[in-house]
Amino acid sequence: MLGALETKVLASLRELEEAPARGVRARLSERGTRVAYTTVATILGRLWTKGLIRRRREPCRGGERFVYRYAPNLEHRYVSNLVKGVVRMFGPAGVVHLNEELSKLQPSEARELRRRLGLP
C-alpha cells in the first residue's frame, strides 16, 4: 500500500505526466504540501523501484538528472506487486481470501479503495 506522501507524489506526477523531482516538488507546493527536494527525490526513487513509475536520464547543468514519467499501466503493476506481497506473506490461500474480500465490495467502496490507493 502507498503512504500518504507517496500518494500525493504519484498524483502530482500523474498531473504533470513527466517531470524531474524539482518539478514534482513544485506541484506539491502549489497544492499546499511542502516537503524537501531530497524527500521528493527519495519517494520518486522508491516508486520507481516498485515499478509504479518510469524514469530516464537527461543532461542538466553540470551533470545528469532523472526525469520521471507516470506509468500508463500503473493499476496492473500495483495490483501485481500487491498480489506478490500477499503470496510471499500468506501463500496461495491469502490470494484466495483477498479475491473473496474484493468481490464483496460495493461499487462505491471499490471507487474509494482506488482513490485511497492513488489509482486512476
PDB file of N, CA and C in Angstrom:
ATOM      1  N   MET A   1       0.836  -1.177   0.000  1.00  0.00           N
ATOM      2  CA  MET A   1       0.000   0.000   0.000  1.00  0.00           C
ATOM      3  C   MET A   1       0.886   1.248   0.000  1.00  0.00           C
ATOM      4  N   LEU A   2       0.401   2.287  -0.594  1.00  0.00           N
ATOM      5  CA  LEU A   2       1.169   3.522  -0.652  1.00  0.00           C
ATOM      6  C   LEU A   2       0.876   4.392   0.555  1.00  0.00           C
ATOM      7  N   GLY A   3       1.904   5.079   1.024  1.00  0.00           N
ATOM      8  CA  GLY A   3       1.737   6.029   2.107  1.00  0.00           C
ATOM      9  C   GLY A   3       1.084   7.305   1.593  1.00  0.00           C
ATOM     10  N   ALA A   4       0.708   8.180   2.520  1.00  0.00           N
ATOM     11  CA  ALA A   4       0.014   9.419   2.149  1.00  0.00           C
ATOM     12  C   ALA A   4       0.877  10.300   1.250  1.00  0.00           C
ATOM     13  N   LEU A   5       2.151  10.460   1.601  1.00  0.00           N
ATOM     14  CA  LEU A   5       3.018  11.315   0.788  1.00  0.00           C
ATOM     15  C   LEU A   5       3.327  10.656  -0.559  1.00  0.00           C
ATOM     16  N   GLU A   6       3.497   9.338  -0.571  1.00  0.00           N
ATOM     17  CA  GLU A   6       3.708   8.638  -1.846  1.00  0.00           C
ATOM     18  C   GLU A   6       2.512   8.853  -2.773  1.00  0.00           C
ATOM     19  N   THR A   7       1.313   8.803  -2.209  1.00  0.00           N
ATOM     20  CA  THR A   7       0.108   9.006  -2.998  1.00  0.00           C
ATOM     21  C   THR A   7       0.070  10.412  -3.574  1.00  0.00           C
ATOM     22  N   LYS A   8       0.453  11.414  -2.771  1.00  0.00           N
ATOM     23  CA  LYS A   8       0.473  12.798  -3.254  1.00  0.00           C
ATOM     24  C   LYS A   8       1.520  12.990  -4.349  1.00  0.00           C
ATOM     25  N   VAL A   9       2.688  12.380  -4.170  1.00  0.00           N
ATOM     26  CA  VAL A   9       3.747  12.487  -5.182  1.00  0.00           C
ATOM     27  C   VAL A   9       3.278  11.843  -6.482  1.00  0.00           C
ATOM     28  N   LEU A  10       2.664  10.672  -6.375  1.00  0.00           N
ATOM     29  CA  LEU A  10       2.174   9.972  -7.558  1.00  0.00           C
ATOM     30  C   LEU A  10       1.075  10.773  -8.254  1.00  0.00           C
ATOM     31  N   ALA A  11       0.172  11.371  -7.495  1.00  0.00           N
ATOM     32  CA  ALA A  11      -0.899  12.184  -8.080  1.00  0.00           C
ATOM     33  C   ALA A  11      -0.312  13.410  -8.790  1.00  0.00           C
ATOM     34  N   SER A  12       0.703  14.019  -8.182  1.00  0.00           N
ATOM     35  CA  SER A  12       1.344  15.179  -8.813  1.00  0.00           C
ATOM     36  C   SER A  12       2.019  14.780 -10.117  1.00  0.00           C
ATOM     37  N   LEU A  13       2.689  13.640 -10.115  1.00  0.00           N
ATOM     38  CA  LEU A  13       3.349  13.170 -11.331  1.00  0.00           C
ATOM     39  C   LEU A  13       2.314  12.827 -12.402  1.00  0.00           C
ATOM     40  N   ARG A  14       1.192  12.269 -11.998  1.00  0.00           N
ATOM     41  CA  ARG A  14       0.125  11.949 -12.953  1.00  0.00           C
ATOM     42  C   ARG A  14      -0.353  13.230 -13.637  1.00  0.00           C
ATOM     43  N   GLU A  15      -0.520  14.306 -12.863  1.00  0.00           N
ATOM     44  CA  GLU A  15      -0.955  15.583 -13.430  1.00  0.00           C
ATOM     45  C   GLU A  15       0.089  16.142 -14.406  1.00  0.00           C
ATOM     46  N   LEU A  16       1.353  16.008 -14.036  1.00  0.00           N
ATOM     47  CA  LEU A  16       2.437  16.551 -14.858  1.00  0.00           C
ATOM     48  C   LEU A  16       2.780  15.651 -16.043  1.00  0.00           C
ATOM     49  N   GLU A  17       2.472  14.380 -15.938  1.00  0.00           N
ATOM     50  CA  GLU A  17       2.808  13.331 -16.894  1.00  0.00           C
ATOM     51  C   GLU A  17       4.294  12.989 -16.876  1.00  0.00           C
ATOM     52  N   GLU A  18       5.168  14.000 -16.930  1.00  0.00           N
ATOM     53  CA  GLU A  18       6.612  13.768 -16.891  1.00  0.00           C
ATOM     54  C   GLU A  18       7.277  14.987 -16.256  1.00  0.00           C
ATOM     55  N   ALA A  19       8.196  14.724 -15.308  1.00  0.00           N
ATOM     56  CA  ALA A  19       8.872  15.840 -14.631  1.00  0.00           C
ATOM     57  C   ALA A  19      10.051  15.320 -13.820  1.00  0.00           C
ATOM     58  N   PRO A  20      11.053  16.170 -13.601  1.00  0.00           N
ATOM     59  CA  PRO A  20      12.118  15.838 -12.655  1.00  0.00           C
ATOM     60  C   PRO A  20      11.594  16.043 -11.226  1.00  0.00           C
ATOM     61  N   ALA A  21      12.355  15.607 -10.260  1.00  0.00           N
ATOM     62  CA  ALA A  21      11.941  15.731  -8.855  1.00  0.00           C
ATOM     63  C   ALA A  21      11.601  17.173  -8.494  1.00  0.00           C
ATOM     64  N   ARG A  22      12.374  18.127  -9.011  1.00  0.00           N
ATOM     65  CA  ARG A  22      12.128  19.542  -8.722  1.00  0.00           C
ATOM     66  C   ARG A  22      10.742  19.979  -9.201  1.00  0.00           C
ATOM     67  N   GLY A  23      10.321  19.503 -10.361  1.00  0.00           N
ATOM     68  CA  GLY A  23       9.002  19.829 -10.884  1.00  0.00           C
ATOM     69  C   GLY A  23       7.880  19.219 -10.056  1.00  0.00           C
ATOM     70  N   VAL A  24       8.091  17.977  -9.603  1.00  0.00           N
ATOM     71  CA  VAL A  24       7.097  17.315  -8.749  1.00  0.00           C
ATOM     72  C   VAL A  24       6.991  18.060  -7.413  1.00  0.00           C
ATOM     73  N   ARG A  25       8.139  18.457  -6.877  1.00  0.00           N
ATOM     74  CA  ARG A  25       8.140  19.223  -5.622  1.00  0.00           C
ATOM     75  C   ARG A  25       7.384  20.539  -5.781  1.00  0.00           C
ATOM     76  N   ALA A  26       7.571  21.208  -6.899  1.00  0.00           N
ATOM     77  CA  ALA A  26       6.871  22.469  -7.154  1.00  0.00           C
ATOM     78  C   ALA A  26       5.360  22.247  -7.222  1.00  0.00           C
ATOM     79  N   ARG A  27       4.927  21.161  -7.866  1.00  0.00           N
ATOM     80  CA  ARG A  27       3.490  20.865  -7.964  1.00  0.00           C
ATOM     81  C   ARG A  27       2.926  20.562  -6.573  1.00  0.00           C
ATOM     82  N   LEU A  28       3.676  19.805  -5.765  1.00  0.00           N
ATOM     83  CA  LEU A  28       3.232  19.535  -4.397  1.00  0.00           C
ATOM     84  C   LEU A  28       3.075  20.836  -3.619  1.00  0.00           C
ATOM     85  N   SER A  29       4.025  21.734  -3.766  1.00  0.00           N
ATOM     86  CA  SER A  29       3.989  23.014  -3.072  1.00  0.00           C
ATOM     87  C   SER A  29       2.775  23.835  -3.504  1.00  0.00           C
ATOM     88  N   GLU A  30       2.460  23.814  -4.804  1.00  0.00           N
ATOM     89  CA  GLU A  30       1.277  24.515  -5.315  1.00  0.00           C
ATOM     90  C   GLU A  30       0.003  23.985  -4.665  1.00  0.00           C
ATOM     91  N   ARG A  31       0.009  22.727  -4.334  1.00  0.00           N
ATOM     92  CA  ARG A  31      -1.155  22.073  -3.732  1.00  0.00           C
ATOM     93  C   ARG A  31      -1.139  22.141  -2.205  1.00  0.00           C
ATOM     94  N   GLY A  32      -0.137  22.836  -1.637  1.00  0.00           N
ATOM     95  CA  GLY A  32      -0.096  23.030  -0.188  1.00  0.00           C
ATOM     96  C   GLY A  32       0.719  22.018   0.589  1.00  0.00           C
ATOM     97  N   THR A  33       1.439  21.148  -0.089  1.00  0.00           N
ATOM     98  CA  THR A  33       2.286  20.171   0.581  1.00  0.00           C
ATOM     99  C   THR A  33       3.735  20.604   0.435  1.00  0.00           C
ATOM    100  N   ARG A  34       4.334  21.030   1.516  1.00  0.00           N
ATOM    101  CA  ARG A  34       5.721  21.497   1.489  1.00  0.00           C
ATOM    102  C   ARG A  34       6.631  20.397   2.023  1.00  0.00           C
ATOM    103  N   VAL A  35       7.509  19.929   1.153  1.00  0.00           N
ATOM    104  CA  VAL A  35       8.480  18.896   1.520  1.00  0.00           C
ATOM    105  C   VAL A  35       9.816  19.234   0.889  1.00  0.00           C
ATOM    106  N   ALA A  36      10.853  18.678   1.441  1.00  0.00           N
ATOM    107  CA  ALA A  36      12.199  18.914   0.922  1.00  0.00           C
ATOM    108  C   ALA A  36      12.381  18.218  -0.429  1.00  0.00           C
ATOM    109  N   TYR A  37      13.235  18.806  -1.248  1.00  0.00           N
ATOM    110  CA  TYR A  37      13.568  18.217  -2.545  1.00  0.00           C
ATOM    111  C   TYR A  37      14.074  16.790  -2.366  1.00  0.00           C
ATOM    112  N   THR A  38      14.933  16.572  -1.371  1.00  0.00           N
ATOM    113  CA  THR A  38      15.506  15.236  -1.163  1.00  0.00           C
ATOM    114  C   THR A  38      14.429  14.216  -0.803  1.00  0.00           C
ATOM    115  N   THR A  39      13.414  14.657  -0.097  1.00  0.00           N
ATOM    116  CA  THR A  39      12.305  13.762   0.249  1.00  0.00           C
ATOM    117  C   THR A  39      11.557  13.341  -1.013  1.00  0.00           C
ATOM    118  N   VAL A  40      11.268  14.304  -1.877  1.00  0.00           N
ATOM    119  CA  VAL A  40      10.574  14.002  -3.129  1.00  0.00           C
ATOM    120  C   VAL A  40      11.425  13.067  -3.992  1.00  0.00           C
ATOM    121  N   ALA A  41      12.722  13.355  -4.087  1.00  0.00           N
ATOM    122  CA  ALA A  41      13.616  12.510  -4.884  1.00  0.00           C
ATOM    123  C   ALA A  41      13.656  11.081  -4.336  1.00  0.00           C
ATOM    124  N   THR A  42      13.682  10.934  -3.022  1.00  0.00           N
ATOM    125  CA  THR A  42      13.688   9.608  -2.403  1.00  0.00           C
ATOM    126  C   THR A  42      12.397   8.856  -2.703  1.00  0.00           C
ATOM    127  N   ILE A  43      11.266   9.542  -2.569  1.00  0.00           N
ATOM    128  CA  ILE A  43       9.972   8.894  -2.827  1.00  0.00           C
ATOM    129  C   ILE A  43       9.859   8.493  -4.294  1.00  0.00           C
ATOM    130  N   LEU A  44      10.287   9.357  -5.210  1.00  0.00           N
ATOM    131  CA  LEU A  44      10.257   9.003  -6.627  1.00  0.00           C
ATOM    132  C   LEU A  44      11.128   7.774  -6.897  1.00  0.00           C
ATOM    133  N   GLY A  45      12.283   7.722  -6.256  1.00  0.00           N
ATOM    134  CA  GLY A  45      13.145   6.551  -6.403  1.00  0.00           C
ATOM    135  C   GLY A  45      12.478   5.283  -5.910  1.00  0.00           C
ATOM    136  N   ARG A  46      11.778   5.389  -4.803  1.00  0.00           N
ATOM    137  CA  ARG A  46      11.073   4.213  -4.261  1.00  0.00           C
ATOM    138  C   ARG A  46       9.922   3.786  -5.162  1.00  0.00           C
ATOM    139  N   LEU A  47       9.186   4.760  -5.686  1.00  0.00           N
ATOM    140  CA  LEU A  47       8.091   4.430  -6.603  1.00  0.00           C
ATOM    141  C   LEU A  47       8.634   3.773  -7.867  1.00  0.00           C
ATOM    142  N   TRP A  48       9.804   4.229  -8.324  1.00  0.00           N
ATOM    143  CA  TRP A  48      10.437   3.615  -9.494  1.00  0.00           C
ATOM    144  C   TRP A  48      10.862   2.180  -9.175  1.00  0.00           C
ATOM    145  N   THR A  49      11.439   1.976  -7.994  1.00  0.00           N
ATOM    146  CA  THR A  49      11.855   0.635  -7.584  1.00  0.00           C
ATOM    147  C   THR A  49      10.664  -0.316  -7.520  1.00  0.00           C
ATOM    148  N   LYS A  50       9.522   0.191  -7.087  1.00  0.00           N
ATOM    149  CA  LYS A  50       8.303  -0.619  -7.012  1.00  0.00           C
ATOM    150  C   LYS A  50       7.698  -0.873  -8.393  1.00  0.00           C
ATOM    151  N   GLY A  51       8.234  -0.219  -9.418  1.00  0.00           N
ATOM    152  CA  GLY A  51       7.717  -0.397 -10.767  1.00  0.00           C
ATOM    153  C   GLY A  51       6.479   0.422 -11.067  1.00  0.00           C
ATOM    154  N   LEU A  52       6.213   1.441 -10.251  1.00  0.00           N
ATOM    155  CA  LEU A  52       4.996   2.229 -10.422  1.00  0.00           C
ATOM    156  C   LEU A  52       5.174   3.434 -11.333  1.00  0.00           C
ATOM    157  N   ILE A  53       6.410   3.845 -11.557  1.00  0.00           N
ATOM    158  CA  ILE A  53       6.694   4.953 -12.468  1.00  0.00           C
ATOM    159  C   ILE A  53       7.922   4.595 -13.296  1.00  0.00           C
ATOM    160  N   ARG A  54       8.130   5.354 -14.342  1.00  0.00           N
ATOM    161  CA  ARG A  54       9.314   5.161 -15.192  1.00  0.00           C
ATOM    162  C   ARG A  54      10.242   6.350 -15.009  1.00  0.00           C
ATOM    163  N   ARG A  55      11.494   6.161 -15.411  1.00  0.00           N
ATOM    164  CA  ARG A  55      12.422   7.283 -15.364  1.00  0.00           C
ATOM    165  C   ARG A  55      13.443   7.154 -16.476  1.00  0.00           C
ATOM    166  N   ARG A  56      14.001   8.297 -16.822  1.00  0.00           N
ATOM    167  CA  ARG A  56      15.080   8.339 -17.814  1.00  0.00           C
ATOM    168  C   ARG A  56      16.061   9.409 -17.361  1.00  0.00           C
ATOM    169  N   ARG A  57      17.287   9.286 -17.825  1.00  0.00           N
ATOM    170  CA  ARG A  57      18.312  10.287 -17.517  1.00  0.00           C
ATOM    171  C   ARG A  57      18.320  11.345 -18.602  1.00  0.00           C
ATOM    172  N   GLU A  58      18.603  12.589 -18.175  1.00  0.00           N
ATOM    173  CA  GLU A  58      18.799  13.654 -19.144  1.00  0.00           C
ATOM    174  C   GLU A  58      19.877  14.585 -18.620  1.00  0.00           C
ATOM    175  N   PRO A  59      20.628  15.173 -19.539  1.00  0.00           N
ATOM    176  CA  PRO A  59      21.665  16.104 -19.098  1.00  0.00           C
ATOM    177  C   PRO A  59      21.033  17.366 -18.509  1.00  0.00           C
ATOM    178  N   CYS A  60      21.701  17.906 -17.521  1.00  0.00           N
ATOM    179  CA  CYS A  60      21.296  19.196 -16.963  1.00  0.00           C
ATOM    180  C   CYS A  60      22.563  19.907 -16.501  1.00  0.00           C
ATOM    181  N   ARG A  61      22.416  21.093 -15.973  1.00  0.00           N
ATOM    182  CA  ARG A  61      23.579  21.895 -15.580  1.00  0.00           C
ATOM    183  C   ARG A  61      24.637  21.077 -14.835  1.00  0.00           C
ATOM    184  N   GLY A  62      25.735  20.840 -15.477  1.00  0.00           N
ATOM    185  CA  GLY A  62      26.866  20.194 -14.828  1.00  0.00           C
ATOM    186  C   GLY A  62      26.723  18.723 -14.544  1.00  0.00           C
ATOM    187  N   GLY A  63      25.727  18.071 -15.071  1.00  0.00           N
ATOM    188  CA  GLY A  63      25.584  16.643 -14.803  1.00  0.00           C
ATOM    189  C   GLY A  63      24.349  16.055 -15.450  1.00  0.00           C
ATOM    190  N   GLU A  64      23.717  15.151 -14.726  1.00  0.00           N
ATOM    191  CA  GLU A  64      22.520  14.486 -15.224  1.00  0.00           C
ATOM    192  C   GLU A  64      21.459  14.500 -14.128  1.00  0.00           C
ATOM    193  N   ARG A  65      20.226  14.284 -14.541  1.00  0.00           N
ATOM    194  CA  ARG A  65      19.136  14.146 -13.584  1.00  0.00           C
ATOM    195  C   ARG A  65      18.155  13.119 -14.125  1.00  0.00           C
ATOM    196  N   PHE A  66      17.331  12.603 -13.250  1.00  0.00           N
ATOM    197  CA  PHE A  66      16.267  11.707 -13.678  1.00  0.00           C
ATOM    198  C   PHE A  66      15.022  12.522 -13.967  1.00  0.00           C
ATOM    199  N   VAL A  67      14.349  12.144 -15.028  1.00  0.00           N
ATOM    200  CA  VAL A  67      13.033  12.692 -15.343  1.00  0.00           C
ATOM    201  C   VAL A  67      12.068  11.517 -15.205  1.00  0.00           C
ATOM    202  N   TYR A  68      11.063  11.696 -14.365  1.00  0.00           N
ATOM    203  CA  TYR A  68      10.119  10.627 -14.056  1.00  0.00           C
ATOM    204  C   TYR A  68       8.865  10.763 -14.886  1.00  0.00           C
ATOM    205  N   ARG A  69       8.280   9.615 -15.196  1.00  0.00           N
ATOM    206  CA  ARG A  69       7.076   9.585 -16.024  1.00  0.00           C
ATOM    207  C   ARG A  69       6.063   8.671 -15.359  1.00  0.00           C
ATOM    208  N   TYR A  70       4.827   9.133 -15.357  1.00  0.00           N
ATOM    209  CA  TYR A  70       3.731   8.326 -14.836  1.00  0.00           C
ATOM    210  C   TYR A  70       3.539   7.117 -15.737  1.00  0.00           C
ATOM    211  N   ALA A  71       3.522   5.942 -15.164  1.00  0.00           N
ATOM    212  CA  ALA A  71       3.372   4.708 -15.939  1.00  0.00           C
ATOM    213  C   ALA A  71       1.908   4.512 -16.323  1.00  0.00           C
ATOM    214  N   PRO A  72       1.614   4.345 -17.606  1.00  0.00           N
ATOM    215  CA  PRO A  72       0.227   4.229 -18.039  1.00  0.00           C
ATOM    216  C   PRO A  72      -0.486   2.987 -17.517  1.00  0.00           C
ATOM    217  N   ASN A  73       0.228   1.932 -17.228  1.00  0.00           N
ATOM    218  CA  ASN A  73      -0.398   0.707 -16.729  1.00  0.00           C
ATOM    219  C   ASN A  73      -0.143   0.548 -15.223  1.00  0.00           C
ATOM    220  N   LEU A  74      -0.244   1.637 -14.509  1.00  0.00           N
ATOM    221  CA  LEU A  74       0.028   1.659 -13.078  1.00  0.00           C
ATOM    222  C   LEU A  74      -0.834   0.666 -12.307  1.00  0.00           C
ATOM    223  N   GLU A  75      -2.119   0.624 -12.603  1.00  0.00           N
ATOM    224  CA  GLU A  75      -3.011  -0.236 -11.845  1.00  0.00           C
ATOM    225  C   GLU A  75      -2.573  -1.693 -11.932  1.00  0.00           C
ATOM    226  N   HIS A  76      -2.251  -2.145 -13.135  1.00  0.00           N
ATOM    227  CA  HIS A  76      -1.818  -3.536 -13.303  1.00  0.00           C
ATOM    228  C   HIS A  76      -0.551  -3.818 -12.496  1.00  0.00           C
ATOM    229  N   ARG A  77       0.422  -2.915 -12.579  1.00  0.00           N
ATOM    230  CA  ARG A  77       1.679  -3.116 -11.843  1.00  0.00           C
ATOM    231  C   ARG A  77       1.455  -3.102 -10.339  1.00  0.00           C
ATOM    232  N   TYR A  78       0.614  -2.167  -9.877  1.00  0.00           N
ATOM    233  CA  TYR A  78       0.381  -2.061  -8.436  1.00  0.00           C
ATOM    234  C   TYR A  78      -0.304  -3.310  -7.911  1.00  0.00           C
ATOM    235  N   VAL A  79      -1.338  -3.766  -8.607  1.00  0.00           N
ATOM    236  CA  VAL A  79      -2.048  -4.967  -8.177  1.00  0.00           C
ATOM    237  C   VAL A  79      -1.123  -6.174  -8.239  1.00  0.00           C
ATOM    238  N   SER A  80      -0.300  -6.249  -9.270  1.00  0.00           N
ATOM    239  CA  SER A  80       0.656  -7.342  -9.380  1.00  0.00           C
ATOM    240  C   SER A  80       1.620  -7.351  -8.195  1.00  0.00           C
ATOM    241  N   ASN A  81       2.163  -6.181  -7.839  1.00  0.00           N
ATOM    242  CA  ASN A  81       3.060  -6.101  -6.685  1.00  0.00           C
ATOM    243  C   ASN A  81       2.334  -6.460  -5.390  1.00  0.00           C
ATOM    244  N   LEU A  82       1.081  -6.029  -5.263  1.00  0.00           N
ATOM    245  CA  LEU A  82       0.296  -6.334  -4.075  1.00  0.00           C
ATOM    246  C   LEU A  82       0.070  -7.840  -3.940  1.00  0.00           C
ATOM    247  N   VAL A  83      -0.320  -8.466  -5.044  1.00  0.00           N
ATOM    248  CA  VAL A  83      -0.569  -9.911  -5.011  1.00  0.00           C
ATOM    249  C   VAL A  83       0.715 -10.675  -4.706  1.00  0.00           C
ATOM    250  N   LYS A  84       1.833 -10.263  -5.286  1.00  0.00           N
ATOM    251  CA  LYS A  84       3.110 -10.919  -4.987  1.00  0.00           C
ATOM    252  C   LYS A  84       3.433 -10.813  -3.502  1.00  0.00           C
ATOM    253  N   GLY A  85       3.161  -9.653  -2.911  1.00  0.00           N
ATOM    254  CA  GLY A  85       3.386  -9.477  -1.475  1.00  0.00           C
ATOM    255  C   GLY A  85       2.486 -10.375  -0.643  1.00  0.00           C
ATOM    256  N   VAL A  86       1.226 -10.497  -1.043  1.00  0.00           N
ATOM    257  CA  VAL A  86       0.288 -11.369  -0.326  1.00  0.00           C
ATOM    258  C   VAL A  86       0.756 -12.819  -0.424  1.00  0.00           C
ATOM    259  N   VAL A  87       1.191 -13.238  -1.614  1.00  0.00           N
ATOM    260  CA  VAL A  87       1.667 -14.614  -1.801  1.00  0.00           C
ATOM    261  C   VAL A  87       2.893 -14.876  -0.924  1.00  0.00           C
ATOM    262  N   ARG A  88       3.842 -13.912  -0.891  1.00  0.00           N
ATOM    263  CA  ARG A  88       5.037 -14.098  -0.059  1.00  0.00           C
ATOM    264  C   ARG A  88       4.678 -14.227   1.422  1.00  0.00           C
ATOM    265  N   MET A  89       3.724 -13.414   1.865  1.00  0.00           N
ATOM    266  CA  MET A  89       3.384 -13.401   3.285  1.00  0.00           C
ATOM    267  C   MET A  89       2.431 -14.524   3.697  1.00  0.00           C
ATOM    268  N   PHE A  90       1.424 -14.817   2.844  1.00  0.00           N
ATOM    269  CA  PHE A  90       0.359 -15.720   3.269  1.00  0.00           C
ATOM    270  C   PHE A  90       0.175 -16.946   2.394  1.00  0.00           C
ATOM    271  N   GLY A  91       0.913 -17.026   1.286  1.00  0.00           N
ATOM    272  CA  GLY A  91       0.770 -18.158   0.394  1.00  0.00           C
ATOM    273  C   GLY A  91      -0.469 -18.032  -0.478  1.00  0.00           C
ATOM    274  N   PRO A  92      -0.755 -19.072  -1.263  1.00  0.00           N
ATOM    275  CA  PRO A  92      -1.902 -19.032  -2.176  1.00  0.00           C
ATOM    276  C   PRO A  92      -3.242 -18.799  -1.469  1.00  0.00           C
ATOM    277  N   ALA A  93      -3.385 -19.277  -0.252  1.00  0.00           N
ATOM    278  CA  ALA A  93      -4.645 -19.084   0.481  1.00  0.00           C
ATOM    279  C   ALA A  93      -4.911 -17.597   0.718  1.00  0.00           C
ATOM    280  N   GLY A  94      -3.853 -16.822   0.893  1.00  0.00           N
ATOM    281  CA  GLY A  94      -4.013 -15.385   1.076  1.00  0.00           C
ATOM    282  C   GLY A  94      -4.591 -14.713  -0.149  1.00  0.00           C
ATOM    283  N   VAL A  95      -4.181 -15.164  -1.334  1.00  0.00           N
ATOM    284  CA  VAL A  95      -4.696 -14.603  -2.582  1.00  0.00           C
ATOM    285  C   VAL A  95      -6.177 -14.945  -2.737  1.00  0.00           C
ATOM    286  N   VAL A  96      -6.539 -16.178  -2.404  1.00  0.00           N
ATOM    287  CA  VAL A  96      -7.939 -16.586  -2.490  1.00  0.00           C
ATOM    288  C   VAL A  96      -8.786 -15.711  -1.562  1.00  0.00           C
ATOM    289  N   HIS A  97      -8.314 -15.510  -0.343  1.00  0.00           N
ATOM    290  CA  HIS A  97      -9.048 -14.687   0.622  1.00  0.00           C
ATOM    291  C   HIS A  97      -9.152 -13.242   0.134  1.00  0.00           C
ATOM    292  N   LEU A  98      -8.061 -12.680  -0.378  1.00  0.00           N
ATOM    293  CA  LEU A  98      -8.070 -11.309  -0.901  1.00  0.00           C
ATOM    294  C   LEU A  98      -9.094 -11.175  -2.028  1.00  0.00           C
ATOM    295  N   ASN A  99      -9.107 -12.113  -2.939  1.00  0.00           N
ATOM    296  CA  ASN A  99     -10.061 -12.092  -4.050  1.00  0.00           C
ATOM    297  C   ASN A  99     -11.499 -12.165  -3.548  1.00  0.00           C
ATOM    298  N   GLU A 100     -11.753 -13.006  -2.561  1.00  0.00           N
ATOM    299  CA  GLU A 100     -13.103 -13.123  -1.996  1.00  0.00           C
ATOM    300  C   GLU A 100     -13.545 -11.799  -1.377  1.00  0.00           C
ATOM    301  N   GLU A 101     -12.640 -11.158  -0.645  1.00  0.00           N
ATOM    302  CA  GLU A 101     -12.976  -9.894   0.007  1.00  0.00           C
ATOM    303  C   GLU A 101     -13.216  -8.782  -1.014  1.00  0.00           C
ATOM    304  N   LEU A 102     -12.401  -8.726  -2.062  1.00  0.00           N
ATOM    305  CA  LEU A 102     -12.577  -7.701  -3.094  1.00  0.00           C
ATOM    306  C   LEU A 102     -13.893  -7.882  -3.837  1.00  0.00           C
ATOM    307  N   SER A 103     -14.317  -9.119  -4.041  1.00  0.00           N
ATOM    308  CA  SER A 103     -15.568  -9.360  -4.763  1.00  0.00           C
ATOM    309  C   SER A 103     -16.782  -8.933  -3.948  1.00  0.00           C
ATOM    310  N   LYS A 104     -16.641  -8.752  -2.649  1.00  0.00           N
ATOM    311  CA  LYS A 104     -17.743  -8.330  -1.784  1.00  0.00           C
ATOM    312  C   LYS A 104     -17.936  -6.813  -1.760  1.00  0.00           C
ATOM    313  N   LEU A 105     -16.990  -6.061  -2.325  1.00  0.00           N
ATOM    314  CA  LEU A 105     -17.069  -4.610  -2.271  1.00  0.00           C
ATOM    315  C   LEU A 105     -18.214  -4.071  -3.123  1.00  0.00           C
ATOM    316  N   GLN A 106     -18.880  -3.053  -2.601  1.00  0.00           N
ATOM    317  CA  GLN A 106     -19.873  -2.314  -3.370  1.00  0.00           C
ATOM    318  C   GLN A 106     -19.116  -1.406  -4.345  1.00  0.00           C
ATOM    319  N   PRO A 107     -19.748  -0.981  -5.449  1.00  0.00           N
ATOM    320  CA  PRO A 107     -19.055  -0.100  -6.404  1.00  0.00           C
ATOM    321  C   PRO A 107     -18.489   1.162  -5.748  1.00  0.00           C
ATOM    322  N   SER A 108     -19.228   1.747  -4.820  1.00  0.00           N
ATOM    323  CA  SER A 108     -18.732   2.957  -4.150  1.00  0.00           C
ATOM    324  C   SER A 108     -17.511   2.641  -3.289  1.00  0.00           C
ATOM    325  N   GLU A 109     -17.491   1.470  -2.672  1.00  0.00           N
ATOM    326  CA  GLU A 109     -16.337   1.058  -1.864  1.00  0.00           C
ATOM    327  C   GLU A 109     -15.124   0.799  -2.755  1.00  0.00           C
ATOM    328  N   ALA A 110     -15.356   0.212  -3.917  1.00  0.00           N
ATOM    329  CA  ALA A 110     -14.254  -0.050  -4.859  1.00  0.00           C
ATOM    330  C   ALA A 110     -13.657   1.268  -5.341  1.00  0.00           C
ATOM    331  N   ARG A 111     -14.531   2.263  -5.632  1.00  0.00           N
ATOM    332  CA  ARG A 111     -14.027   3.574  -6.052  1.00  0.00           C
ATOM    333  C   ARG A 111     -13.203   4.227  -4.948  1.00  0.00           C
ATOM    334  N   GLU A 112     -13.683   4.133  -3.712  1.00  0.00           N
ATOM    335  CA  GLU A 112     -12.955   4.719  -2.584  1.00  0.00           C
ATOM    336  C   GLU A 112     -11.609   4.022  -2.389  1.00  0.00           C
ATOM    337  N   LEU A 113     -11.574   2.719  -2.533  1.00  0.00           N
ATOM    338  CA  LEU A 113     -10.321   1.968  -2.415  1.00  0.00           C
ATOM    339  C   LEU A 113      -9.342   2.416  -3.491  1.00  0.00           C
ATOM    340  N   ARG A 114      -9.801   2.563  -4.714  1.00  0.00           N
ATOM    341  CA  ARG A 114      -8.944   3.013  -5.813  1.00  0.00           C
ATOM    342  C   ARG A 114      -8.407   4.411  -5.518  1.00  0.00           C
ATOM    343  N   ARG A 115      -9.273   5.296  -4.994  1.00  0.00           N
ATOM    344  CA  ARG A 115      -8.844   6.651  -4.658  1.00  0.00           C
ATOM    345  C   ARG A 115      -7.778   6.628  -3.575  1.00  0.00           C
ATOM    346  N   ARG A 116      -7.984   5.824  -2.547  1.00  0.00           N
ATOM    347  CA  ARG A 116      -7.030   5.767  -1.434  1.00  0.00           C
ATOM    348  C   ARG A 116      -5.701   5.139  -1.853  1.00  0.00           C
ATOM    349  N   LEU A 117      -5.746   4.279  -2.846  1.00  0.00           N
ATOM    350  CA  LEU A 117      -4.513   3.669  -3.358  1.00  0.00           C
ATOM    351  C   LEU A 117      -3.805   4.579  -4.346  1.00  0.00           C
ATOM    352  N   GLY A 118      -4.448   5.677  -4.712  1.00  0.00           N
ATOM    353  CA  GLY A 118      -3.848   6.594  -5.679  1.00  0.00           C
ATOM    354  C   GLY A 118      -3.937   6.091  -7.103  1.00  0.00           C
ATOM    355  N   LEU A 119      -4.944   5.260  -7.364  1.00  0.00           N
ATOM    356  CA  LEU A 119      -5.122   4.684  -8.698  1.00  0.00           C
ATOM    357  C   LEU A 119      -6.143   5.500  -9.484  1.00  0.00           C
ATOM    358  N   PRO A 120      -6.011   5.534 -10.805  1.00  0.00           N
ATOM    359  CA  PRO A 120      -6.970   6.285 -11.625  1.00  0.00           C
ATOM    360  C   PRO A 120      -8.356   5.653 -11.605  1.00  0.00           C
TER     361      PRO A 120
END
